Amino acid sequence: MTTVTDQDHATDEPRVASGAERACTTQIDFARAGRVTPQMQAVAQAEQLDVEDVRQAVACGRVAIPANIHHAALAPAGVGSLLDGRPLSTKVNVNLGISGDKADEAQEWRKVDVALELGADAIMDLSNSGKTESFRRRLIERAPAMIGTVPMYDALGYLEKALIHITAQDFLDVVRKHAEDGVDFVTVHAGMNRRVIDSFKETGRLTNIVSRGGSLIFAWMEATGNENPFYEHYDEVLDILHAHDVTISIGDAMRPGSTYDATDAGQIAELIEIGKLTQRAWDAGVQVMVEGPGHMALDEIAANMKFQKRLCHDAPFYGLGPLVCDIAPGYDHITAAIGGAVAASAGADFLCYVTPAEHLRLPDAQDVREGLVATKIAAHAADIAKGVAHARDRDNRMSDARRRVAWDEMFSLALDPVRAREYFESAPPATEGTCTMCGAMCAMRTVNQLMDDNVVDLGL
């Protein structure tokens, strides 16, 4: 085993080759060559794991470290599990970006600030209005979190063409631009090919196609009569991604948009295709994550995690929720957190947050805070359940601080220290060292006094 320096990996000019002659460029290339990169070392240190175990997992695709060679500010993070089944901590993604209906860049930067303040592992820039390059580049320059995009969203504004006039090569050019800008992972809906579309049309759905990127590709396919360009030209997509070490997040265009449609023929047909595309990406030296279902009844989630892992060769799984019911607009951060906790405890490696604004409007900064904290709770609860190394340590420190009624320490350990302190200070207690829930009858205070051989005076 050898060690690769940052200079070896993070070059300005990517080294490009093909087939067996391809030079080491990506994390999976280096791992297969027996070489440890600084990114692998960082992941091992953060997860308190042996770096050789991390390298082996990267080599076979079980762990992805999205790390574009141009993203200098990146603090690398690993997604997935080791060969012996030990999981890495569940990562959490925040979606944001400039919308055509509400093009407020200042608002998007406030969302970025919230995401970084609360420790989001990834930020997906889903901007879809006008020229998005400036915002994307500034985000990559500034953010230590992994940055993801869906190039399909950017195609219309970047190319300034009507959808029907966009060519397959145009779509590839947008992917290339995002890779050159420094994006760490891209969602590409390559699995929705003609076979999947035929299955969808034959069997039908209550909510049809709810993926924005998937719906655009479907519209293009229907208008032109052509195959999905990302499927037909998949090898070219992989060549672009390999040149910059961009991880492909294979999007689920056929994800269910209602619990009624979950685990139907369209979803499973696409998942079978995604499994094949996963292996092809690994063969091309490209790291892979696989995206998962959107709406799903609670009792179907664990089985779906097993389907994905089995059909996609244990590739890291990126869950979009799932939302466990369809009747909670305004509270869908909760329906998604419930599903996310079950999904991650059953094998999902990466959760995309959902905000209270889901299905209703573009989220604001407060929605981002609510959605991110809910999803981090789900991820952390799952990490405890599946035995992620040291997952309980922070909880144990919090419990010890509660026993000692050490308020400042409790605030510092909270997932959202600002919210915790605001609640406490909004109703000052009459009895020092307590809160207004129990006041002088605080169990912690009472037992602490008894354990210290003090006389307990409840002051009643």
Protein backbone atom coordinates (compact mmCIF):
# COMPACT_ATOMS: atom_id res chain seq x y z
CA MET A 1 0.00 0.00 0.00
CA THR A 2 1.30 3.44 -0.92
CA THR A 3 0.14 6.92 -0.06
CA VAL A 4 -0.89 9.53 -2.62
CA THR A 5 -0.27 13.19 -1.87
CA ASP A 6 -2.72 16.01 -2.56
CA GLN A 7 -0.42 17.08 -5.39
CA ASP A 8 -0.72 13.65 -6.98
CA HIS A 9 -4.51 13.78 -6.98
CA ALA A 10 -5.58 17.42 -7.16
CA THR A 11 -4.07 18.53 -10.43
CA ASP A 12 -5.29 21.38 -12.59
CA GLU A 13 -5.14 19.21 -15.68
CA PRO A 14 -6.95 15.87 -15.28
CA ARG A 15 -5.14 12.88 -16.64
CA VAL A 16 -7.35 11.13 -19.15
CA ALA A 17 -6.90 7.71 -20.70
CA SER A 18 -9.19 4.91 -21.77
CA GLY A 19 -9.66 1.24 -20.97
CA ALA A 20 -6.73 -0.58 -19.42
CA GLU A 21 -4.44 2.35 -20.16
CA ARG A 22 -6.48 4.80 -18.06
CA ALA A 23 -4.29 6.68 -15.57
CA CYS A 24 -5.23 6.92 -11.90
CA THR A 25 -7.51 9.93 -11.57
CA THR A 26 -10.42 8.93 -9.37
CA GLN A 27 -10.57 7.67 -5.82
CA ILE A 28 -11.57 4.25 -7.08
CA ASP A 29 -8.59 4.20 -9.50
CA PHE A 30 -6.13 4.91 -6.69
CA ALA A 31 -7.82 2.45 -4.33
CA ARG A 32 -7.64 -0.35 -6.89
CA ALA A 33 -3.97 0.44 -7.43
CA GLY A 34 -3.39 -0.05 -3.70
CA ARG A 35 -2.76 3.65 -3.12
CA VAL A 36 -4.20 5.66 -0.23
CA THR A 37 -5.22 9.23 -1.02
CA PRO A 38 -5.51 12.16 1.41
CA GLN A 39 -9.27 11.90 0.90
CA MET A 40 -9.26 8.28 2.11
CA GLN A 41 -7.14 9.28 5.08
CA ALA A 42 -9.55 12.10 5.96
CA VAL A 43 -12.53 9.75 5.81
CA ALA A 44 -10.78 7.14 7.94
CA GLN A 45 -9.91 9.75 10.55
CA ALA A 46 -13.41 11.25 10.63
CA GLU A 47 -15.05 7.83 10.93
CA GLN A 48 -12.38 6.47 13.34
CA LEU A 49 -11.64 3.57 11.00
CA ASP A 50 -8.50 1.92 9.65
CA VAL A 51 -7.53 3.60 6.38
CA GLU A 52 -6.83 0.26 4.70
CA ASP A 53 -10.41 -0.82 5.37
CA VAL A 54 -11.59 2.40 3.75
CA ARG A 55 -9.32 1.91 0.74
CA GLN A 56 -10.59 -1.63 0.16
CA ALA A 57 -14.22 -0.47 0.35
CA VAL A 58 -13.54 2.35 -2.14
CA ALA A 59 -11.78 -0.09 -4.47
CA CYS A 60 -14.87 -2.27 -4.83
CA GLY A 61 -17.39 0.58 -4.84
CA ARG A 62 -18.90 -0.06 -1.42
CA VAL A 63 -17.72 3.40 -0.30
CA ALA A 64 -17.78 6.52 -2.46
CA ILE A 65 -15.76 9.64 -1.64
CA PRO A 66 -17.18 12.34 -3.93
CA ALA A 67 -14.18 14.64 -4.41
CA ASN A 68 -13.81 16.54 -7.67
CA ILE A 69 -10.15 17.33 -8.32
CA HIS A 70 -11.07 21.02 -8.72
CA HIS A 71 -12.90 21.40 -5.37
CA ALA A 72 -10.06 22.77 -3.26
CA ALA A 73 -12.24 23.74 -0.27
CA LEU A 74 -13.69 20.24 0.13
CA ALA A 75 -13.60 18.42 3.47
CA PRO A 76 -13.89 14.85 2.11
CA ALA A 77 -16.66 12.59 3.37
CA GLY A 78 -17.32 8.93 2.72
CA VAL A 79 -20.68 7.39 1.83
CA GLY A 80 -21.34 3.68 2.22
CA SER A 81 -20.11 0.73 4.27
CA LEU A 82 -16.99 -1.39 4.65
CA LEU A 83 -16.53 -4.86 3.20
CA ASP A 84 -17.33 -6.46 6.55
CA GLY A 85 -20.64 -4.58 6.67
CA ARG A 86 -19.65 -1.89 9.14
CA PRO A 87 -21.46 1.27 8.06
CA LEU A 88 -20.01 4.74 7.81
CA SER A 89 -22.07 7.47 9.41
CA THR A 90 -25.20 8.38 7.47
CA LYS A 91 -24.64 11.56 5.48
CA VAL A 92 -27.23 14.30 4.93
CA ASN A 93 -27.78 16.52 1.88
CA VAL A 94 -29.43 19.94 1.56
CA ASN A 95 -31.10 21.04 -1.68
CA LEU A 96 -31.15 24.71 -2.62
CA GLY A 97 -30.74 26.87 -5.71
CA ILE A 98 -32.10 29.79 -7.69
CA SER A 99 -35.63 29.28 -8.99
CA GLY A 100 -37.17 31.01 -11.98
CA ASP A 101 -40.30 31.91 -10.00
CA LYS A 102 -38.31 33.29 -7.04
CA ALA A 103 -34.86 34.30 -8.24
CA ASP A 104 -33.40 35.61 -4.97
CA GLU A 105 -29.68 34.83 -4.82
CA ALA A 106 -29.28 36.50 -1.41
CA GLN A 107 -31.88 34.11 -0.02
CA GLU A 108 -29.98 31.14 -1.42
CA TRP A 109 -26.79 32.29 0.29
CA ARG A 110 -28.70 32.50 3.59
CA LYS A 111 -29.68 28.88 3.01
CA VAL A 112 -26.04 27.99 2.37
CA ASP A 113 -25.08 29.65 5.66
CA VAL A 114 -27.70 27.62 7.54
CA ALA A 115 -26.61 24.38 5.86
CA LEU A 116 -22.95 24.93 6.76
CA GLU A 117 -23.78 26.14 10.28
CA LEU A 118 -25.72 22.96 11.02
CA GLY A 119 -23.14 20.66 9.44
CA ALA A 120 -24.73 19.47 6.21
CA ASP A 121 -22.48 16.90 4.56
CA ALA A 122 -23.56 17.88 1.06
CA ILE A 123 -25.30 20.70 -0.76
CA MET A 124 -27.03 20.16 -4.08
CA ASP A 125 -27.32 23.27 -6.21
CA LEU A 126 -30.57 22.73 -8.10
CA SER A 127 -30.60 26.17 -9.71
CA ASN A 128 -32.73 26.16 -12.85
CA SER A 129 -33.05 29.80 -13.83
CA GLY A 130 -30.82 31.69 -16.25
CA LYS A 131 -27.05 31.39 -16.14
CA THR A 132 -26.29 29.41 -12.99
CA GLU A 133 -22.52 29.14 -13.40
CA SER A 134 -21.61 32.08 -11.15
CA PHE A 135 -23.58 30.82 -8.15
CA ARG A 136 -22.31 27.26 -8.63
CA ARG A 137 -18.67 28.32 -8.87
CA ARG A 138 -18.87 30.56 -5.79
CA LEU A 139 -20.52 27.73 -3.85
CA ILE A 140 -17.73 25.34 -4.80
CA GLU A 141 -15.07 27.90 -3.86
CA ARG A 142 -16.63 28.51 -0.48
CA ALA A 143 -18.19 25.29 0.76
CA PRO A 144 -16.31 22.41 2.43
CA ALA A 145 -19.39 20.24 1.94
CA MET A 146 -19.73 17.95 -1.08
CA ILE A 147 -21.43 19.80 -3.92
CA GLY A 148 -23.90 18.06 -6.19
CA THR A 149 -25.97 19.15 -9.18
CA VAL A 150 -28.50 17.84 -11.66
CA PRO A 151 -27.08 19.04 -15.01
CA MET A 152 -30.42 18.38 -16.71
CA TYR A 153 -31.96 21.23 -14.68
CA ASP A 154 -29.36 23.62 -16.01
CA ALA A 155 -29.62 22.56 -19.65
CA LEU A 156 -32.35 24.94 -20.78
CA GLY A 157 -30.81 28.07 -19.27
CA TYR A 158 -27.22 27.18 -20.11
CA LEU A 159 -27.93 26.24 -23.72
CA GLU A 160 -30.65 28.85 -24.34
CA LYS A 161 -32.58 26.38 -26.49
CA ALA A 162 -36.06 24.94 -26.44
CA LEU A 163 -36.06 21.39 -25.05
CA ILE A 164 -36.93 19.82 -28.41
CA HIS A 165 -33.93 21.51 -30.08
CA ILE A 166 -31.37 20.25 -27.56
CA THR A 167 -29.16 17.48 -28.90
CA ALA A 168 -27.60 14.58 -27.06
CA GLN A 169 -24.22 16.28 -27.44
CA ASP A 170 -25.67 19.44 -25.86
CA PHE A 171 -26.63 17.46 -22.77
CA LEU A 172 -23.12 16.03 -22.54
CA ASP A 173 -21.66 19.53 -22.82
CA VAL A 174 -23.63 20.62 -19.74
CA VAL A 175 -22.37 17.61 -17.78
CA ARG A 176 -18.83 18.49 -18.82
CA LYS A 177 -19.26 22.09 -17.72
CA HIS A 178 -20.43 21.07 -14.25
CA ALA A 179 -17.52 18.65 -13.93
CA GLU A 180 -15.02 21.32 -14.97
CA ASP A 181 -16.49 23.76 -12.45
CA GLY A 182 -15.72 21.37 -9.58
CA VAL A 183 -18.99 19.60 -8.78
CA ASP A 184 -18.33 16.49 -6.66
CA PHE A 185 -21.34 14.44 -7.72
CA VAL A 186 -23.98 14.75 -10.42
CA THR A 187 -27.40 13.20 -10.61
CA VAL A 188 -27.87 11.66 -14.05
CA HIS A 189 -31.16 9.94 -14.82
CA ALA A 190 -29.61 7.33 -17.08
CA GLY A 191 -31.72 4.32 -16.05
CA MET A 192 -35.03 5.44 -17.59
CA ASN A 193 -34.54 3.92 -21.01
CA ARG A 194 -37.10 2.82 -23.58
CA ARG A 195 -37.67 -0.51 -21.82
CA VAL A 196 -38.53 1.29 -18.59
CA ILE A 197 -40.81 3.75 -20.38
CA ASP A 198 -42.65 0.86 -22.04
CA SER A 199 -43.19 -0.75 -18.63
CA PHE A 200 -44.44 2.54 -17.19
CA LYS A 201 -46.90 3.09 -20.04
CA GLU A 202 -48.19 -0.47 -19.88
CA THR A 203 -48.78 -0.63 -16.14
CA GLY A 204 -49.75 2.99 -15.39
CA ARG A 205 -49.42 5.03 -12.24
CA LEU A 206 -51.43 7.24 -9.92
CA THR A 207 -48.86 10.06 -9.96
CA ASN A 208 -46.95 9.23 -13.17
CA ILE A 209 -43.36 10.64 -13.23
CA VAL A 210 -42.64 13.09 -10.39
CA SER A 211 -38.89 13.46 -10.88
CA ARG A 212 -38.24 16.89 -12.42
CA GLY A 213 -35.17 15.67 -14.30
CA GLY A 214 -36.94 12.48 -15.27
CA SER A 215 -39.97 14.34 -16.59
CA LEU A 216 -37.75 16.57 -18.76
CA ILE A 217 -35.94 13.57 -20.22
CA PHE A 218 -39.26 11.79 -20.79
CA ALA A 219 -40.58 14.87 -22.59
CA TRP A 220 -37.45 15.02 -24.75
CA MET A 221 -37.69 11.32 -25.57
CA GLU A 222 -41.36 11.61 -26.50
CA ALA A 223 -40.80 14.73 -28.61
CA THR A 224 -37.78 13.42 -30.51
CA GLY A 225 -38.48 9.70 -30.58
CA ASN A 226 -34.91 9.10 -29.40
CA GLU A 227 -33.47 7.00 -26.59
CA ASN A 228 -32.59 8.67 -23.27
CA PRO A 229 -29.38 10.53 -24.22
CA PHE A 230 -27.72 9.75 -20.90
CA TYR A 231 -28.39 6.04 -21.41
CA GLU A 232 -27.46 5.96 -25.10
CA HIS A 233 -24.24 7.92 -24.53
CA TYR A 234 -23.50 6.57 -21.05
CA ASP A 235 -19.89 5.67 -21.85
CA GLU A 236 -19.21 9.27 -22.91
CA VAL A 237 -20.81 10.53 -19.69
CA LEU A 238 -18.49 8.26 -17.73
CA ASP A 239 -15.43 9.50 -19.62
CA ILE A 240 -16.32 13.09 -18.66
CA LEU A 241 -16.89 12.19 -15.02
CA HIS A 242 -13.71 10.14 -14.80
CA ALA A 243 -11.57 12.99 -16.08
CA HIS A 244 -12.53 15.16 -13.09
CA ASP A 245 -13.32 12.47 -10.48
CA VAL A 246 -17.02 13.27 -10.36
CA THR A 247 -19.17 10.64 -8.65
CA ILE A 248 -22.26 9.64 -10.60
CA SER A 249 -25.44 9.60 -8.56
CA ILE A 250 -27.69 7.51 -10.76
CA GLY A 251 -31.04 9.21 -10.47
CA ASP A 252 -34.34 7.42 -10.04
CA ALA A 253 -36.55 9.11 -12.61
CA MET A 254 -39.24 6.54 -11.83
CA ARG A 255 -39.26 7.03 -8.07
CA PRO A 256 -42.79 6.80 -6.65
CA GLY A 257 -44.47 10.15 -6.04
CA SER A 258 -47.15 8.56 -3.87
CA THR A 259 -47.33 5.63 -1.50
CA TYR A 260 -49.76 4.04 -3.98
CA ASP A 261 -47.05 3.82 -6.66
CA ALA A 262 -44.30 2.46 -4.39
CA THR A 263 -42.46 -0.70 -5.46
CA ASP A 264 -44.34 -0.83 -8.75
CA ALA A 265 -43.19 -2.14 -12.11
CA GLY A 266 -41.76 1.19 -13.26
CA GLN A 267 -39.64 1.67 -10.15
CA ILE A 268 -38.28 -1.86 -10.18
CA ALA A 269 -37.70 -1.91 -13.95
CA GLU A 270 -35.56 1.22 -13.64
CA LEU A 271 -33.71 -0.18 -10.63
CA ILE A 272 -32.70 -3.23 -12.68
CA GLU A 273 -31.26 -0.94 -15.35
CA ILE A 274 -29.48 1.14 -12.70
CA GLY A 275 -27.81 -2.00 -11.39
CA LYS A 276 -26.30 -2.61 -14.82
CA LEU A 277 -25.21 1.02 -15.12
CA THR A 278 -23.58 0.82 -11.69
CA GLN A 279 -21.28 -1.97 -12.80
CA ARG A 280 -20.43 -0.15 -16.02
CA ALA A 281 -19.47 2.96 -14.09
CA TRP A 282 -17.20 0.99 -11.77
CA ASP A 283 -15.61 -0.70 -14.78
CA ALA A 284 -14.86 2.81 -16.11
CA GLY A 285 -13.26 3.89 -12.83
CA VAL A 286 -16.15 6.16 -11.81
CA GLN A 287 -17.55 6.17 -8.28
CA VAL A 288 -21.28 5.52 -7.90
CA MET A 289 -24.18 6.37 -5.63
CA VAL A 290 -27.69 5.13 -6.38
CA GLU A 291 -30.74 7.24 -5.64
CA GLY A 292 -33.82 5.75 -4.03
CA PRO A 293 -37.58 5.99 -3.59
CA GLY A 294 -39.54 9.15 -2.81
CA HIS A 295 -42.89 8.06 -1.24
CA MET A 296 -43.34 4.67 0.39
CA ALA A 297 -45.40 3.05 3.14
CA LEU A 298 -43.44 2.33 6.29
CA ASP A 299 -43.63 -1.46 5.93
CA GLU A 300 -42.09 -1.42 2.43
CA ILE A 301 -38.96 0.59 3.21
CA ALA A 302 -36.65 -2.08 4.62
CA ALA A 303 -37.42 -4.45 1.75
CA ASN A 304 -36.68 -1.69 -0.76
CA MET A 305 -33.27 -1.10 0.81
CA LYS A 306 -32.52 -4.80 0.32
CA PHE A 307 -33.75 -4.66 -3.32
CA GLN A 308 -31.46 -1.75 -4.05
CA LYS A 309 -28.40 -3.22 -2.39
CA ARG A 310 -28.94 -6.57 -4.08
CA LEU A 311 -29.68 -5.27 -7.58
CA CYS A 312 -27.02 -2.53 -7.44
CA HIS A 313 -24.20 -4.63 -6.03
CA ASP A 314 -24.09 -2.92 -2.59
CA ALA A 315 -23.39 0.51 -4.07
CA PRO A 316 -23.92 3.41 -1.65
CA PHE A 317 -27.60 4.27 -1.52
CA TYR A 318 -28.87 7.86 -1.50
CA GLY A 319 -32.42 8.01 -0.12
CA LEU A 320 -34.91 10.71 -1.09
CA GLY A 321 -37.00 10.49 2.08
CA PRO A 322 -38.93 8.30 1.69
CA LEU A 323 -42.11 10.10 2.73
CA VAL A 324 -44.29 7.60 4.58
CA CYS A 325 -47.66 9.22 3.84
CA ASP A 326 -49.08 11.72 1.35
CA ILE A 327 -51.38 13.92 3.46
CA ALA A 328 -48.98 16.12 5.45
CA PRO A 329 -48.14 19.19 3.35
CA GLY A 330 -46.46 21.67 5.65
CA TYR A 331 -45.06 18.82 7.75
CA ASP A 332 -43.34 16.68 5.13
CA HIS A 333 -39.99 17.16 6.87
CA ILE A 334 -41.51 14.89 9.53
CA THR A 335 -42.95 12.30 7.14
CA ALA A 336 -39.55 12.17 5.41
CA ALA A 337 -37.59 11.96 8.66
CA ILE A 338 -39.68 8.98 9.77
CA GLY A 339 -39.01 7.22 6.48
CA GLY A 340 -35.38 8.30 6.43
CA ALA A 341 -34.71 6.84 9.86
CA VAL A 342 -36.15 3.49 8.80
CA ALA A 343 -34.34 3.58 5.45
CA ALA A 344 -30.95 4.42 6.94
CA SER A 345 -31.29 1.85 9.71
CA ALA A 346 -32.05 -0.72 6.98
CA GLY A 347 -29.05 0.19 4.80
CA ALA A 348 -29.39 3.63 3.18
CA ASP A 349 -26.12 5.53 3.41
CA PHE A 350 -27.11 9.08 2.49
CA LEU A 351 -30.35 11.01 3.11
CA CYS A 352 -31.66 13.98 1.17
CA TYR A 353 -33.50 16.38 3.43
CA VAL A 354 -37.11 17.42 2.93
CA THR A 355 -38.39 20.75 4.25
CA PRO A 356 -41.83 21.84 5.53
CA ALA A 357 -42.24 23.64 2.19
CA GLU A 358 -42.13 20.39 0.18
CA HIS A 359 -44.99 20.22 -2.35
CA LEU A 360 -45.94 23.84 -1.53
CA ARG A 361 -43.25 26.40 -2.41
CA LEU A 362 -39.55 27.13 -2.62
CA PRO A 363 -38.15 26.74 0.91
CA ASP A 364 -36.72 29.73 2.77
CA ALA A 365 -33.81 29.71 5.21
CA GLN A 366 -36.02 28.74 8.16
CA ASP A 367 -37.45 25.84 6.16
CA VAL A 368 -33.91 24.70 5.44
CA ARG A 369 -33.12 24.76 9.17
CA GLU A 370 -36.25 22.73 10.01
CA GLY A 371 -35.68 20.21 7.24
CA LEU A 372 -31.98 19.75 7.87
CA VAL A 373 -32.36 19.22 11.61
CA ALA A 374 -35.19 16.72 11.08
CA THR A 375 -33.08 14.76 8.61
CA LYS A 376 -29.99 14.87 10.83
CA ILE A 377 -32.13 13.43 13.64
CA ALA A 378 -33.21 10.62 11.33
CA ALA A 379 -29.62 9.95 10.23
CA HIS A 380 -28.30 9.97 13.78
CA ALA A 381 -31.09 7.74 15.09
CA ALA A 382 -30.28 5.27 12.31
CA ASP A 383 -26.56 5.41 13.10
CA ILE A 384 -27.28 4.44 16.69
CA ALA A 385 -29.57 1.62 15.54
CA LYS A 386 -27.09 0.14 13.07
CA GLY A 387 -24.09 0.47 15.35
CA VAL A 388 -22.01 3.11 13.61
CA ALA A 389 -18.74 3.45 15.51
CA HIS A 390 -18.95 6.06 18.30
CA ALA A 391 -22.45 7.16 17.22
CA ARG A 392 -23.62 7.21 20.84
CA ASP A 393 -20.71 9.25 22.18
CA ARG A 394 -22.38 12.63 21.76
CA ASP A 395 -25.63 11.32 23.23
CA ASN A 396 -23.76 10.04 26.26
CA ARG A 397 -22.09 13.42 26.74
CA MET A 398 -25.50 15.10 26.45
CA SER A 399 -26.97 12.74 29.04
CA ASP A 400 -24.09 13.43 31.41
CA ALA A 401 -24.57 17.20 30.95
CA ARG A 402 -28.29 16.78 31.68
CA ARG A 403 -27.52 14.86 34.85
CA ARG A 404 -25.30 17.73 35.97
CA VAL A 405 -27.85 20.32 34.73
CA ALA A 406 -25.03 21.95 32.74
CA TRP A 407 -27.06 24.12 30.39
CA ASP A 408 -24.28 25.64 28.29
CA GLU A 409 -22.81 22.20 27.74
CA MET A 410 -26.21 20.87 26.68
CA PHE A 411 -26.63 23.69 24.19
CA SER A 412 -23.20 23.03 22.68
CA LEU A 413 -24.04 19.35 22.16
CA ALA A 414 -27.46 19.96 20.61
CA LEU A 415 -28.00 19.41 16.89
CA ASP A 416 -29.37 22.95 16.76
CA PRO A 417 -27.75 24.92 19.61
CA VAL A 418 -29.49 28.15 18.59
CA ARG A 419 -32.99 26.64 18.83
CA ALA A 420 -32.23 24.91 22.15
CA ARG A 421 -30.94 28.09 23.79
CA GLU A 422 -33.81 30.18 22.41
CA TYR A 423 -36.39 27.84 23.92
CA PHE A 424 -34.69 27.77 27.32
CA GLU A 425 -34.19 31.53 27.51
CA SER A 426 -37.73 32.31 26.34
CA ALA A 427 -39.09 31.24 29.75
CA PRO A 428 -36.56 31.88 32.55
CA PRO A 429 -37.04 29.54 35.53
CA ALA A 430 -37.70 30.83 39.02
CA THR A 431 -35.36 28.20 40.50
CA GLU A 432 -31.76 28.42 39.37
CA GLY A 433 -30.43 25.36 37.59
CA THR A 434 -33.85 24.17 36.41
CA CYS A 435 -36.30 24.94 33.61
CA THR A 436 -39.96 25.87 33.75
CA MET A 437 -41.13 22.33 32.93
CA CYS A 438 -40.41 21.08 36.48
CA GLY A 439 -38.91 24.05 38.32
CA ALA A 440 -38.02 23.16 41.90
CA MET A 441 -39.33 19.63 41.29
CA CYS A 442 -36.56 18.94 38.74
CA ALA A 443 -35.64 15.27 39.10
CA MET A 444 -32.01 15.87 38.14
CA ARG A 445 -31.61 18.63 40.76
CA THR A 446 -33.34 16.62 43.47
CA VAL A 447 -31.29 13.47 42.99
CA ASN A 448 -28.04 15.43 42.61
CA GLN A 449 -28.68 17.04 46.01
CA LEU A 450 -29.42 13.67 47.59
CA MET A 451 -26.32 12.09 46.05
CA ASP A 452 -24.29 14.97 47.51
CA ASP A 453 -25.82 14.31 50.95
CA ASN A 454 -27.64 17.63 50.90
CA VAL A 455 -31.08 18.31 52.36
CA VAL A 456 -33.66 18.48 49.60
CA ASP A 457 -35.84 21.57 49.82
CA LEU A 458 -38.38 21.77 47.03
CA GLY A 459 -39.34 25.28 48.10
CA LEU A 460 -43.05 24.44 47.89
